[in-house]
Amino acid sequence: MLCRRTPKQRRAADHLRFMSKTEDHRWDLSEDEDGYLPECDEAFEEKMEEWAARDWPQWLARQLAFPDLEVTPKADPNFWPVREYVVWFANRC
C-alpha cells in the first residue's frame, strides 16, 4: 500500500529527517494476509534510509546506559556481611 503525500509534505521529507517519538509509526510492520508488511512503503523506505545513515556505535553509546557494577572481592571484610544481607533481603520478598 502506498501512502499519499502533499507536495509540501514531500518537500519537507526531501532531506533526511529523524522521526520523533510523537510521530506515527507507519513504517512499522503489521500482519495481513500476505505476511508482515509496512503500513506505508514510503515511510518504510524513509526509516531504512535513516537507519542506514545512522552511526550505530555512537548512537548506541548515547542511548544505552548500564549501571556501574562493582564486584567486591571475597577477601574484602565486608563481602560476607553484605552477601548475607542480600540473601536475607531476597528471601523476604
Protein backbone atom coordinates (compact mmCIF):
# COMPACT_ATOMS: atom_id res chain seq x y z
CA MET A 1 0.00 0.00 0.00
CA LEU A 2 1.37 3.41 -0.94
CA CYS A 3 0.62 6.45 1.20
CA ARG A 4 -0.21 9.76 -0.43
CA ARG A 5 1.63 12.97 0.45
CA THR A 6 1.03 16.53 -0.50
CA PRO A 7 3.80 18.40 -2.36
CA LYS A 8 4.51 20.36 0.83
CA GLN A 9 4.97 17.11 2.77
CA ARG A 10 7.29 15.75 0.05
CA ARG A 11 9.47 18.88 0.16
CA ALA A 12 9.72 18.61 3.94
CA ALA A 13 10.84 14.98 3.59
CA ASP A 14 13.39 15.67 0.84
CA HIS A 15 16.21 15.89 3.33
CA LEU A 16 16.78 13.03 5.74
CA ARG A 17 14.86 13.72 8.90
CA PHE A 18 14.57 11.70 12.07
CA MET A 19 11.20 10.64 13.38
CA SER A 20 10.36 11.68 16.89
CA LYS A 21 8.59 9.53 19.45
CA THR A 22 5.39 11.51 18.95
CA GLU A 23 5.11 10.69 15.24
CA ASP A 24 3.10 7.81 13.91
CA HIS A 25 4.90 4.62 13.06
CA ARG A 26 3.54 3.93 9.58
CA TRP A 27 6.92 2.39 8.72
CA ASP A 28 6.41 -0.41 11.25
CA LEU A 29 5.36 -3.83 10.03
CA SER A 30 1.86 -5.13 10.56
CA GLU A 31 0.40 -8.52 9.81
CA ASP A 32 -2.05 -9.08 6.98
CA GLU A 33 -2.93 -11.96 4.66
CA ASP A 34 0.37 -11.53 2.75
CA GLY A 35 2.52 -11.65 5.89
CA TYR A 36 4.22 -8.80 7.74
CA LEU A 37 4.37 -5.68 5.58
CA PRO A 38 4.86 -1.95 6.32
CA GLU A 39 1.70 0.11 6.55
CA CYS A 40 3.27 2.66 4.21
CA ASP A 41 6.04 1.80 1.74
CA GLU A 42 7.28 5.39 1.54
CA ALA A 43 7.55 5.73 5.32
CA PHE A 44 9.35 2.37 5.47
CA GLU A 45 11.91 3.50 2.88
CA GLU A 46 12.50 6.76 4.80
CA LYS A 47 13.08 4.80 8.00
CA MET A 48 15.52 2.46 6.23
CA GLU A 49 17.46 5.50 4.94
CA GLU A 50 17.57 6.92 8.46
CA TRP A 51 18.89 3.64 9.89
CA ALA A 52 21.46 3.27 7.09
CA ALA A 53 22.78 6.80 7.73
CA ARG A 54 22.97 6.35 11.49
CA ASP A 55 26.37 5.88 13.15
CA TRP A 56 25.24 2.89 15.21
CA PRO A 57 28.13 2.62 17.71
CA GLN A 58 27.87 6.32 18.55
CA TRP A 59 24.04 6.23 18.69
CA LEU A 60 24.05 3.17 20.96
CA ALA A 61 26.64 4.76 23.25
CA ARG A 62 24.37 7.81 23.66
CA GLN A 63 21.11 5.88 24.01
CA LEU A 64 22.10 2.97 26.25
CA ALA A 65 23.14 3.28 29.85
CA PHE A 66 24.40 0.46 32.02
CA PRO A 67 24.75 0.64 35.81
CA ASP A 68 28.29 0.88 37.14
CA LEU A 69 28.53 -2.53 38.82
CA GLU A 70 31.31 -3.08 41.26
CA VAL A 71 32.11 -6.61 42.38
CA THR A 72 33.52 -6.83 45.85
CA PRO A 73 36.24 -9.46 46.20
CA LYS A 74 35.66 -12.26 48.74
CA ALA A 75 38.80 -11.13 50.58
CA ASP A 76 37.09 -7.81 51.43
CA PRO A 77 35.96 -7.78 55.11
CA ASN A 78 32.50 -6.50 54.07
CA PHE A 79 31.88 -9.24 51.50
CA TRP A 80 30.19 -11.83 53.73
CA PRO A 81 28.01 -9.44 55.79
CA VAL A 82 26.78 -7.77 52.59
CA ARG A 83 26.18 -11.16 50.97
CA GLU A 84 24.16 -12.34 53.98
CA TYR A 85 22.07 -9.16 53.89
CA VAL A 86 21.41 -9.53 50.16
CA VAL A 87 20.32 -13.16 50.60
CA TRP A 88 18.17 -12.23 53.59
CA PHE A 89 16.54 -9.38 51.70
CA ALA A 90 15.93 -11.56 48.62
CA ASN A 91 14.27 -14.24 50.76
CA ARG A 92 11.91 -11.68 52.34
CA CYS A 93 10.25 -10.87 49.02
